[in-house]
Amino acid sequence: MGQSQNNFESETPELFDRTQELSWALLDDYINGEEFTELEDLLLNDKIARESYIGCVQLHADLASHFAAPTPATTPARPARTPILGFLGTDSGPLTGLNAPKS
């Protein structure tokens, strides 16, 4: 993406910059109706604008994912004692009823 983005930026820097400005305004909820219409026209009519927009949206999604706070649903809860090896946290050993063989 980096190389193709640089090619697009160097071909028409004004278009690239304006598309990014409008894209970030949209993503940050600061876009007005006139700007939204302008962005829509750019995206419908220009491949460079579409590539620029996709780059902004991807970066926005990556940053949101990276900085998102973990939710309780994503962190598995650990039981206080496991039902299978619950004796491991106690002072007494397993109650097997077996004694070690005497030599």
PDB file of N, CA and C in Angstrom:
ATOM      1  N   MET A   1       0.811  -1.175   0.000  1.00  0.00           N
ATOM      2  CA  MET A   1       0.000   0.000   0.000  1.00  0.00           C
ATOM      3  C   MET A   1       0.860   1.247   0.000  1.00  0.00           C
ATOM      4  N   GLY A   2       1.975   1.245   0.696  1.00  0.00           N
ATOM      5  CA  GLY A   2       2.814   2.422   0.823  1.00  0.00           C
ATOM      6  C   GLY A   2       3.296   2.943  -0.511  1.00  0.00           C
ATOM      7  N   GLN A   3       3.785   2.052  -1.394  1.00  0.00           N
ATOM      8  CA  GLN A   3       4.309   2.489  -2.683  1.00  0.00           C
ATOM      9  C   GLN A   3       3.211   3.040  -3.570  1.00  0.00           C
ATOM     10  N   SER A   4       2.069   2.350  -3.673  1.00  0.00           N
ATOM     11  CA  SER A   4       0.988   2.832  -4.522  1.00  0.00           C
ATOM     12  C   SER A   4       0.406   4.135  -3.978  1.00  0.00           C
ATOM     13  N   GLN A   5       0.354   4.269  -2.665  1.00  0.00           N
ATOM     14  CA  GLN A   5      -0.158   5.504  -2.076  1.00  0.00           C
ATOM     15  C   GLN A   5       0.765   6.660  -2.431  1.00  0.00           C
ATOM     16  N   ASN A   6       2.063   6.449  -2.380  1.00  0.00           N
ATOM     17  CA  ASN A   6       2.998   7.505  -2.740  1.00  0.00           C
ATOM     18  C   ASN A   6       2.854   7.891  -4.204  1.00  0.00           C
ATOM     19  N   ASN A   7       2.615   6.928  -5.102  1.00  0.00           N
ATOM     20  CA  ASN A   7       2.404   7.233  -6.512  1.00  0.00           C
ATOM     21  C   ASN A   7       1.152   8.075  -6.698  1.00  0.00           C
ATOM     22  N   PHE A   8       0.071   7.705  -6.027  1.00  0.00           N
ATOM     23  CA  PHE A   8      -1.159   8.471  -6.131  1.00  0.00           C
ATOM     24  C   PHE A   8      -0.955   9.882  -5.610  1.00  0.00           C
ATOM     25  N   GLU A   9      -0.263   9.990  -4.495  1.00  0.00           N
ATOM     26  CA  GLU A   9      -0.055  11.294  -3.878  1.00  0.00           C
ATOM     27  C   GLU A   9       0.765  12.195  -4.790  1.00  0.00           C
ATOM     28  N   SER A  10       1.762  11.645  -5.466  1.00  0.00           N
ATOM     29  CA  SER A  10       2.619  12.467  -6.316  1.00  0.00           C
ATOM     30  C   SER A  10       1.925  12.848  -7.627  1.00  0.00           C
ATOM     31  N   GLU A  11       0.949  12.032  -8.081  1.00  0.00           N
ATOM     32  CA  GLU A  11       0.260  12.341  -9.334  1.00  0.00           C
ATOM     33  C   GLU A  11      -0.669  13.545  -9.181  1.00  0.00           C
ATOM     34  N   THR A  12      -1.472  13.565  -8.152  1.00  0.00           N
ATOM     35  CA  THR A  12      -2.402  14.668  -7.924  1.00  0.00           C
ATOM     36  C   THR A  12      -2.474  14.956  -6.426  1.00  0.00           C
ATOM     37  N   PRO A  13      -1.507  15.699  -5.916  1.00  0.00           N
ATOM     38  CA  PRO A  13      -1.448  15.915  -4.464  1.00  0.00           C
ATOM     39  C   PRO A  13      -2.665  16.656  -3.910  1.00  0.00           C
ATOM     40  N   GLU A  14      -3.230  17.582  -4.678  1.00  0.00           N
ATOM     41  CA  GLU A  14      -4.391  18.327  -4.169  1.00  0.00           C
ATOM     42  C   GLU A  14      -5.591  17.394  -3.970  1.00  0.00           C
ATOM     43  N   LEU A  15      -5.824  16.530  -4.948  1.00  0.00           N
ATOM     44  CA  LEU A  15      -6.926  15.580  -4.863  1.00  0.00           C
ATOM     45  C   LEU A  15      -6.713  14.615  -3.705  1.00  0.00           C
ATOM     46  N   PHE A  16      -5.494  14.120  -3.584  1.00  0.00           N
ATOM     47  CA  PHE A  16      -5.154  13.186  -2.510  1.00  0.00           C
ATOM     48  C   PHE A  16      -5.369  13.844  -1.150  1.00  0.00           C
ATOM     49  N   ASP A  17      -4.859  15.060  -0.977  1.00  0.00           N
ATOM     50  CA  ASP A  17      -4.987  15.768   0.297  1.00  0.00           C
ATOM     51  C   ASP A  17      -6.451  16.070   0.628  1.00  0.00           C
ATOM     52  N   ARG A  18      -7.205  16.535  -0.373  1.00  0.00           N
ATOM     53  CA  ARG A  18      -8.614  16.872  -0.135  1.00  0.00           C
ATOM     54  C   ARG A  18      -9.412  15.619   0.222  1.00  0.00           C
ATOM     55  N   THR A  19      -9.133  14.515  -0.439  1.00  0.00           N
ATOM     56  CA  THR A  19      -9.843  13.274  -0.125  1.00  0.00           C
ATOM     57  C   THR A  19      -9.539  12.838   1.298  1.00  0.00           C
ATOM     58  N   GLN A  20      -8.287  12.943   1.694  1.00  0.00           N
ATOM     59  CA  GLN A  20      -7.938  12.564   3.068  1.00  0.00           C
ATOM     60  C   GLN A  20      -8.593  13.505   4.076  1.00  0.00           C
ATOM     61  N   GLU A  21      -8.590  14.768   3.801  1.00  0.00           N
ATOM     62  CA  GLU A  21      -9.224  15.744   4.696  1.00  0.00           C
ATOM     63  C   GLU A  21     -10.716  15.417   4.880  1.00  0.00           C
ATOM     64  N   LEU A  22     -11.401  15.171   3.775  1.00  0.00           N
ATOM     65  CA  LEU A  22     -12.825  14.845   3.848  1.00  0.00           C
ATOM     66  C   LEU A  22     -13.069  13.486   4.494  1.00  0.00           C
ATOM     67  N   SER A  23     -12.195  12.529   4.217  1.00  0.00           N
ATOM     68  CA  SER A  23     -12.341  11.194   4.810  1.00  0.00           C
ATOM     69  C   SER A  23     -12.212  11.262   6.323  1.00  0.00           C
ATOM     70  N   TRP A  24     -11.218  11.982   6.800  1.00  0.00           N
ATOM     71  CA  TRP A  24     -11.037  12.093   8.250  1.00  0.00           C
ATOM     72  C   TRP A  24     -12.171  12.882   8.877  1.00  0.00           C
ATOM     73  N   ALA A  25     -12.689  13.881   8.188  1.00  0.00           N
ATOM     74  CA  ALA A  25     -13.847  14.610   8.707  1.00  0.00           C
ATOM     75  C   ALA A  25     -15.040  13.666   8.855  1.00  0.00           C
ATOM     76  N   LEU A  26     -15.240  12.793   7.880  1.00  0.00           N
ATOM     77  CA  LEU A  26     -16.319  11.813   7.952  1.00  0.00           C
ATOM     78  C   LEU A  26     -16.099  10.841   9.111  1.00  0.00           C
ATOM     79  N   LEU A  27     -14.904  10.296   9.216  1.00  0.00           N
ATOM     80  CA  LEU A  27     -14.601   9.314  10.260  1.00  0.00           C
ATOM     81  C   LEU A  27     -14.672   9.914  11.662  1.00  0.00           C
ATOM     82  N   ASP A  28     -14.376  11.214  11.773  1.00  0.00           N
ATOM     83  CA  ASP A  28     -14.412  11.890  13.071  1.00  0.00           C
ATOM     84  C   ASP A  28     -15.747  12.577  13.344  1.00  0.00           C
ATOM     85  N   ASP A  29     -16.724  12.374  12.456  1.00  0.00           N
ATOM     86  CA  ASP A  29     -18.064  12.961  12.593  1.00  0.00           C
ATOM     87  C   ASP A  29     -18.051  14.491  12.589  1.00  0.00           C
ATOM     88  N   TYR A  30     -17.176  15.093  11.781  1.00  0.00           N
ATOM     89  CA  TYR A  30     -17.123  16.546  11.650  1.00  0.00           C
ATOM     90  C   TYR A  30     -17.411  17.001  10.219  1.00  0.00           C
ATOM     91  N   ILE A  31     -18.037  16.171   9.440  1.00  0.00           N
ATOM     92  CA  ILE A  31     -18.295  16.507   8.044  1.00  0.00           C
ATOM     93  C   ILE A  31     -19.693  17.136   7.937  1.00  0.00           C
ATOM     94  N   ASN A  32     -19.808  18.156   7.085  1.00  0.00           N
ATOM     95  CA  ASN A  32     -21.126  18.747   6.863  1.00  0.00           C
ATOM     96  C   ASN A  32     -21.696  18.195   5.555  1.00  0.00           C
ATOM     97  N   GLY A  33     -22.907  18.560   5.243  1.00  0.00           N
ATOM     98  CA  GLY A  33     -23.584  18.022   4.070  1.00  0.00           C
ATOM     99  C   GLY A  33     -22.884  18.337   2.760  1.00  0.00           C
ATOM    100  N   GLU A  34     -22.384  19.555   2.636  1.00  0.00           N
ATOM    101  CA  GLU A  34     -21.680  19.973   1.421  1.00  0.00           C
ATOM    102  C   GLU A  34     -20.392  19.165   1.234  1.00  0.00           C
ATOM    103  N   GLU A  35     -19.649  18.998   2.326  1.00  0.00           N
ATOM    104  CA  GLU A  35     -18.414  18.217   2.261  1.00  0.00           C
ATOM    105  C   GLU A  35     -18.706  16.750   1.972  1.00  0.00           C
ATOM    106  N   PHE A  36     -19.780  16.233   2.542  1.00  0.00           N
ATOM    107  CA  PHE A  36     -20.153  14.835   2.297  1.00  0.00           C
ATOM    108  C   PHE A  36     -20.447  14.619   0.819  1.00  0.00           C
ATOM    109  N   THR A  37     -21.170  15.551   0.221  1.00  0.00           N
ATOM    110  CA  THR A  37     -21.479  15.455  -1.207  1.00  0.00           C
ATOM    111  C   THR A  37     -20.202  15.519  -2.036  1.00  0.00           C
ATOM    112  N   GLU A  38     -19.269  16.387  -1.636  1.00  0.00           N
ATOM    113  CA  GLU A  38     -17.985  16.488  -2.341  1.00  0.00           C
ATOM    114  C   GLU A  38     -17.206  15.183  -2.245  1.00  0.00           C
ATOM    115  N   LEU A  39     -17.160  14.603  -1.054  1.00  0.00           N
ATOM    116  CA  LEU A  39     -16.455  13.328  -0.878  1.00  0.00           C
ATOM    117  C   LEU A  39     -17.117  12.232  -1.701  1.00  0.00           C
ATOM    118  N   GLU A  40     -18.424  12.186  -1.681  1.00  0.00           N
ATOM    119  CA  GLU A  40     -19.148  11.186  -2.458  1.00  0.00           C
ATOM    120  C   GLU A  40     -18.827  11.313  -3.949  1.00  0.00           C
ATOM    121  N   ASP A  41     -18.811  12.533  -4.473  1.00  0.00           N
ATOM    122  CA  ASP A  41     -18.475  12.766  -5.883  1.00  0.00           C
ATOM    123  C   ASP A  41     -17.049  12.321  -6.193  1.00  0.00           C
ATOM    124  N   LEU A  42     -16.119  12.639  -5.289  1.00  0.00           N
ATOM    125  CA  LEU A  42     -14.725  12.220  -5.494  1.00  0.00           C
ATOM    126  C   LEU A  42     -14.618  10.696  -5.550  1.00  0.00           C
ATOM    127  N   LEU A  43     -15.295  10.034  -4.634  1.00  0.00           N
ATOM    128  CA  LEU A  43     -15.206   8.573  -4.559  1.00  0.00           C
ATOM    129  C   LEU A  43     -15.868   7.893  -5.753  1.00  0.00           C
ATOM    130  N   LEU A  44     -16.927   8.483  -6.250  1.00  0.00           N
ATOM    131  CA  LEU A  44     -17.616   7.901  -7.408  1.00  0.00           C
ATOM    132  C   LEU A  44     -16.840   8.090  -8.705  1.00  0.00           C
ATOM    133  N   ASN A  45     -16.018   9.136  -8.786  1.00  0.00           N
ATOM    134  CA  ASN A  45     -15.421   9.509 -10.065  1.00  0.00           C
ATOM    135  C   ASN A  45     -13.903   9.372 -10.156  1.00  0.00           C
ATOM    136  N   ASP A  46     -13.241   8.999  -9.066  1.00  0.00           N
ATOM    137  CA  ASP A  46     -11.780   9.004  -9.135  1.00  0.00           C
ATOM    138  C   ASP A  46     -11.168   7.841  -8.361  1.00  0.00           C
ATOM    139  N   LYS A  47     -10.363   7.059  -9.044  1.00  0.00           N
ATOM    140  CA  LYS A  47      -9.698   5.905  -8.425  1.00  0.00           C
ATOM    141  C   LYS A  47      -8.723   6.346  -7.335  1.00  0.00           C
ATOM    142  N   ILE A  48      -8.015   7.440  -7.557  1.00  0.00           N
ATOM    143  CA  ILE A  48      -7.062   7.946  -6.556  1.00  0.00           C
ATOM    144  C   ILE A  48      -7.805   8.307  -5.273  1.00  0.00           C
ATOM    145  N   ALA A  49      -8.948   8.945  -5.403  1.00  0.00           N
ATOM    146  CA  ALA A  49      -9.743   9.308  -4.233  1.00  0.00           C
ATOM    147  C   ALA A  49     -10.201   8.058  -3.490  1.00  0.00           C
ATOM    148  N   ARG A  50     -10.627   7.035  -4.217  1.00  0.00           N
ATOM    149  CA  ARG A  50     -11.063   5.788  -3.574  1.00  0.00           C
ATOM    150  C   ARG A  50      -9.924   5.121  -2.823  1.00  0.00           C
ATOM    151  N   GLU A  51      -8.742   5.082  -3.424  1.00  0.00           N
ATOM    152  CA  GLU A  51      -7.580   4.481  -2.749  1.00  0.00           C
ATOM    153  C   GLU A  51      -7.214   5.271  -1.485  1.00  0.00           C
ATOM    154  N   SER A  52      -7.278   6.574  -1.568  1.00  0.00           N
ATOM    155  CA  SER A  52      -6.981   7.427  -0.415  1.00  0.00           C
ATOM    156  C   SER A  52      -7.995   7.190   0.705  1.00  0.00           C
ATOM    157  N   TYR A  53      -9.257   7.129   0.335  1.00  0.00           N
ATOM    158  CA  TYR A  53     -10.324   6.888   1.306  1.00  0.00           C
ATOM    159  C   TYR A  53     -10.148   5.535   1.991  1.00  0.00           C
ATOM    160  N   ILE A  54      -9.863   4.502   1.216  1.00  0.00           N
ATOM    161  CA  ILE A  54      -9.665   3.162   1.781  1.00  0.00           C
ATOM    162  C   ILE A  54      -8.496   3.162   2.756  1.00  0.00           C
ATOM    163  N   GLY A  55      -7.426   3.868   2.419  1.00  0.00           N
ATOM    164  CA  GLY A  55      -6.286   3.962   3.326  1.00  0.00           C
ATOM    165  C   GLY A  55      -6.661   4.613   4.646  1.00  0.00           C
ATOM    166  N   CYS A  56      -7.454   5.670   4.588  1.00  0.00           N
ATOM    167  CA  CYS A  56      -7.893   6.347   5.819  1.00  0.00           C
ATOM    168  C   CYS A  56      -8.776   5.442   6.667  1.00  0.00           C
ATOM    169  N   VAL A  57      -9.713   4.778   6.022  1.00  0.00           N
ATOM    170  CA  VAL A  57     -10.629   3.893   6.747  1.00  0.00           C
ATOM    171  C   VAL A  57      -9.858   2.732   7.378  1.00  0.00           C
ATOM    172  N   GLN A  58      -8.897   2.173   6.652  1.00  0.00           N
ATOM    173  CA  GLN A  58      -8.110   1.063   7.195  1.00  0.00           C
ATOM    174  C   GLN A  58      -7.288   1.518   8.399  1.00  0.00           C
ATOM    175  N   LEU A  59      -6.663   2.681   8.295  1.00  0.00           N
ATOM    176  CA  LEU A  59      -5.893   3.207   9.423  1.00  0.00           C
ATOM    177  C   LEU A  59      -6.801   3.477  10.614  1.00  0.00           C
ATOM    178  N   HIS A  60      -7.955   4.039  10.366  1.00  0.00           N
ATOM    179  CA  HIS A  60      -8.918   4.313  11.436  1.00  0.00           C
ATOM    180  C   HIS A  60      -9.317   3.010  12.144  1.00  0.00           C
ATOM    181  N   ALA A  61      -9.626   1.980  11.367  1.00  0.00           N
ATOM    182  CA  ALA A  61     -10.016   0.687  11.945  1.00  0.00           C
ATOM    183  C   ALA A  61      -8.868   0.053  12.719  1.00  0.00           C
ATOM    184  N   ASP A  62      -7.657   0.130  12.176  1.00  0.00           N
ATOM    185  CA  ASP A  62      -6.492  -0.440  12.867  1.00  0.00           C
ATOM    186  C   ASP A  62      -6.238   0.262  14.197  1.00  0.00           C
ATOM    187  N   LEU A  63      -6.327   1.584  14.204  1.00  0.00           N
ATOM    188  CA  LEU A  63      -6.103   2.341  15.438  1.00  0.00           C
ATOM    189  C   LEU A  63      -7.201   2.057  16.463  1.00  0.00           C
ATOM    190  N   ALA A  64      -8.444   1.994  16.011  1.00  0.00           N
ATOM    191  CA  ALA A  64      -9.548   1.700  16.926  1.00  0.00           C
ATOM    192  C   ALA A  64      -9.378   0.319  17.551  1.00  0.00           C
ATOM    193  N   SER A  65      -8.973  -0.636  16.750  1.00  0.00           N
ATOM    194  CA  SER A  65      -8.765  -1.996  17.254  1.00  0.00           C
ATOM    195  C   SER A  65      -7.589  -2.048  18.235  1.00  0.00           C
ATOM    196  N   HIS A  66      -6.515  -1.362  17.890  1.00  0.00           N
ATOM    197  CA  HIS A  66      -5.315  -1.395  18.735  1.00  0.00           C
ATOM    198  C   HIS A  66      -5.553  -0.754  20.104  1.00  0.00           C
ATOM    199  N   PHE A  67      -6.297   0.342  20.125  1.00  0.00           N
ATOM    200  CA  PHE A  67      -6.477   1.077  21.367  1.00  0.00           C
ATOM    201  C   PHE A  67      -7.790   0.763  22.080  1.00  0.00           C
ATOM    202  N   ALA A  68      -8.545  -0.202  21.595  1.00  0.00           N
ATOM    203  CA  ALA A  68      -9.803  -0.578  22.233  1.00  0.00           C
ATOM    204  C   ALA A  68      -9.522  -1.233  23.580  1.00  0.00           C
ATOM    205  N   ALA A  69     -10.316  -0.869  24.571  1.00  0.00           N
ATOM    206  CA  ALA A  69     -10.174  -1.478  25.897  1.00  0.00           C
ATOM    207  C   ALA A  69     -10.707  -2.904  25.844  1.00  0.00           C
ATOM    208  N   PRO A  70     -10.013  -3.830  26.490  1.00  0.00           N
ATOM    209  CA  PRO A  70     -10.519  -5.204  26.507  1.00  0.00           C
ATOM    210  C   PRO A  70     -11.852  -5.252  27.254  1.00  0.00           C
ATOM    211  N   THR A  71     -12.747  -6.039  26.742  1.00  0.00           N
ATOM    212  CA  THR A  71     -14.051  -6.187  27.376  1.00  0.00           C
ATOM    213  C   THR A  71     -14.085  -7.483  28.161  1.00  0.00           C
ATOM    214  N   PRO A  72     -14.955  -7.571  29.146  1.00  0.00           N
ATOM    215  CA  PRO A  72     -15.046  -8.819  29.916  1.00  0.00           C
ATOM    216  C   PRO A  72     -15.344 -10.023  29.031  1.00  0.00           C
ATOM    217  N   ALA A  73     -16.042  -9.834  27.943  1.00  0.00           N
ATOM    218  CA  ALA A  73     -16.377 -10.952  27.066  1.00  0.00           C
ATOM    219  C   ALA A  73     -15.137 -11.510  26.371  1.00  0.00           C
ATOM    220  N   THR A  74     -14.100 -10.677  26.154  1.00  0.00           N
ATOM    221  CA  THR A  74     -12.904 -11.152  25.477  1.00  0.00           C
ATOM    222  C   THR A  74     -11.892 -11.753  26.447  1.00  0.00           C
ATOM    223  N   THR A  75     -12.065 -11.510  27.734  1.00  0.00           N
ATOM    224  CA  THR A  75     -11.159 -12.057  28.737  1.00  0.00           C
ATOM    225  C   THR A  75     -11.864 -13.207  29.446  1.00  0.00           C
ATOM    226  N   PRO A  76     -11.385 -14.449  29.242  1.00  0.00           N
ATOM    227  CA  PRO A  76     -12.076 -15.574  29.872  1.00  0.00           C
ATOM    228  C   PRO A  76     -11.946 -15.516  31.388  1.00  0.00           C
ATOM    229  N   ALA A  77     -13.025 -15.807  32.062  1.00  0.00           N
ATOM    230  CA  ALA A  77     -13.023 -15.835  33.523  1.00  0.00           C
ATOM    231  C   ALA A  77     -12.422 -17.154  33.994  1.00  0.00           C
ATOM    232  N   ARG A  78     -11.593 -17.097  35.019  1.00  0.00           N
ATOM    233  CA  ARG A  78     -10.996 -18.309  35.584  1.00  0.00           C
ATOM    234  C   ARG A  78     -11.731 -18.675  36.858  1.00  0.00           C
ATOM    235  N   PRO A  79     -12.104 -19.917  36.997  1.00  0.00           N
ATOM    236  CA  PRO A  79     -12.751 -20.326  38.245  1.00  0.00           C
ATOM    237  C   PRO A  79     -11.749 -20.285  39.394  1.00  0.00           C
ATOM    238  N   ALA A  80     -12.248 -20.135  40.602  1.00  0.00           N
ATOM    239  CA  ALA A  80     -11.378 -20.078  41.774  1.00  0.00           C
ATOM    240  C   ALA A  80     -10.571 -21.371  41.912  1.00  0.00           C
ATOM    241  N   ARG A  81     -11.192 -22.490  41.672  1.00  0.00           N
ATOM    242  CA  ARG A  81     -10.509 -23.789  41.718  1.00  0.00           C
ATOM    243  C   ARG A  81     -11.002 -24.597  40.540  1.00  0.00           C
ATOM    244  N   THR A  82     -10.102 -25.287  39.896  1.00  0.00           N
ATOM    245  CA  THR A  82     -10.535 -26.135  38.797  1.00  0.00           C
ATOM    246  C   THR A  82     -11.169 -27.392  39.357  1.00  0.00           C
ATOM    247  N   PRO A  83     -12.214 -27.889  38.757  1.00  0.00           N
ATOM    248  CA  PRO A  83     -12.870 -29.069  39.299  1.00  0.00           C
ATOM    249  C   PRO A  83     -12.025 -30.333  39.163  1.00  0.00           C
ATOM    250  N   ILE A  84     -11.101 -30.387  38.208  1.00  0.00           N
ATOM    251  CA  ILE A  84     -10.334 -31.603  37.992  1.00  0.00           C
ATOM    252  C   ILE A  84      -9.112 -31.659  38.896  1.00  0.00           C
ATOM    253  N   LEU A  85      -8.351 -30.600  38.949  1.00  0.00           N
ATOM    254  CA  LEU A  85      -7.126 -30.576  39.760  1.00  0.00           C
ATOM    255  C   LEU A  85      -7.228 -29.532  40.866  1.00  0.00           C
ATOM    256  N   GLY A  86      -8.385 -29.444  41.482  1.00  0.00           N
ATOM    257  CA  GLY A  86      -8.618 -28.458  42.520  1.00  0.00           C
ATOM    258  C   GLY A  86      -7.710 -28.606  43.729  1.00  0.00           C
ATOM    259  N   PHE A  87      -7.185 -29.796  43.973  1.00  0.00           N
ATOM    260  CA  PHE A  87      -6.335 -30.042  45.128  1.00  0.00           C
ATOM    261  C   PHE A  87      -4.964 -29.393  45.000  1.00  0.00           C
ATOM    262  N   LEU A  88      -4.584 -28.928  43.788  1.00  0.00           N
ATOM    263  CA  LEU A  88      -3.242 -28.393  43.604  1.00  0.00           C
ATOM    264  C   LEU A  88      -2.987 -27.115  44.402  1.00  0.00           C
ATOM    265  N   GLY A  89      -4.022 -26.399  44.753  1.00  0.00           N
ATOM    266  CA  GLY A  89      -3.831 -25.167  45.495  1.00  0.00           C
ATOM    267  C   GLY A  89      -3.929 -25.344  46.990  1.00  0.00           C
ATOM    268  N   THR A  90      -4.014 -26.551  47.474  1.00  0.00           N
ATOM    269  CA  THR A  90      -4.172 -26.798  48.907  1.00  0.00           C
ATOM    270  C   THR A  90      -2.911 -27.432  49.470  1.00  0.00           C
ATOM    271  N   ASP A  91      -2.856 -27.488  50.802  1.00  0.00           N
ATOM    272  CA  ASP A  91      -1.689 -28.092  51.465  1.00  0.00           C
ATOM    273  C   ASP A  91      -1.740 -29.614  51.415  1.00  0.00           C
ATOM    274  N   SER A  92      -2.920 -30.153  51.373  1.00  0.00           N
ATOM    275  CA  SER A  92      -3.009 -31.614  51.348  1.00  0.00           C
ATOM    276  C   SER A  92      -2.888 -32.110  49.920  1.00  0.00           C
ATOM    277  N   GLY A  93      -2.370 -33.288  49.772  1.00  0.00           N
ATOM    278  CA  GLY A  93      -2.206 -33.883  48.456  1.00  0.00           C
ATOM    279  C   GLY A  93      -3.491 -34.526  48.005  1.00  0.00           C
ATOM    280  N   PRO A  94      -3.443 -35.184  46.878  1.00  0.00           N
ATOM    281  CA  PRO A  94      -4.647 -35.841  46.378  1.00  0.00           C
ATOM    282  C   PRO A  94      -5.050 -36.993  47.283  1.00  0.00           C
ATOM    283  N   LEU A  95      -6.300 -37.190  47.387  1.00  0.00           N
ATOM    284  CA  LEU A  95      -6.824 -38.271  48.219  1.00  0.00           C
ATOM    285  C   LEU A  95      -7.116 -39.459  47.316  1.00  0.00           C
ATOM    286  N   THR A  96      -6.084 -40.252  47.052  1.00  0.00           N
ATOM    287  CA  THR A  96      -6.253 -41.394  46.149  1.00  0.00           C
ATOM    288  C   THR A  96      -6.513 -42.678  46.904  1.00  0.00           C
ATOM    289  N   GLY A  97      -6.190 -42.688  48.184  1.00  0.00           N
ATOM    290  CA  GLY A  97      -6.354 -43.918  48.943  1.00  0.00           C
ATOM    291  C   GLY A  97      -5.204 -44.895  48.717  1.00  0.00           C
ATOM    292  N   LEU A  98      -4.202 -44.509  47.962  1.00  0.00           N
ATOM    293  CA  LEU A  98      -3.062 -45.370  47.710  1.00  0.00           C
ATOM    294  C   LEU A  98      -1.859 -44.890  48.494  1.00  0.00           C
ATOM    295  N   ASN A  99      -1.097 -45.836  48.969  1.00  0.00           N
ATOM    296  CA  ASN A  99       0.144 -45.515  49.659  1.00  0.00           C
ATOM    297  C   ASN A  99       1.295 -45.866  48.732  1.00  0.00           C
ATOM    298  N   ALA A 100       2.386 -45.158  48.878  1.00  0.00           N
ATOM    299  CA  ALA A 100       3.561 -45.460  48.080  1.00  0.00           C
ATOM    300  C   ALA A 100       4.071 -46.827  48.481  1.00  0.00           C
ATOM    301  N   PRO A 101       4.525 -47.611  47.511  1.00  0.00           N
ATOM    302  CA  PRO A 101       5.040 -48.954  47.844  1.00  0.00           C
ATOM    303  C   PRO A 101       6.284 -48.862  48.723  1.00  0.00           C
ATOM    304  N   LYS A 102       6.394 -49.843  49.625  1.00  0.00           N
ATOM    305  CA  LYS A 102       7.577 -49.880  50.501  1.00  0.00           C
ATOM    306  C   LYS A 102       8.617 -50.751  49.843  1.00  0.00           C
ATOM    307  N   SER A 103       9.839 -50.307  49.928  1.00  0.00           N
ATOM    308  CA  SER A 103      10.896 -51.094  49.316  1.00  0.00           C
ATOM    309  C   SER A 103      11.394 -52.156  50.228  1.00  0.00           C
TER     310      SER A 103
END
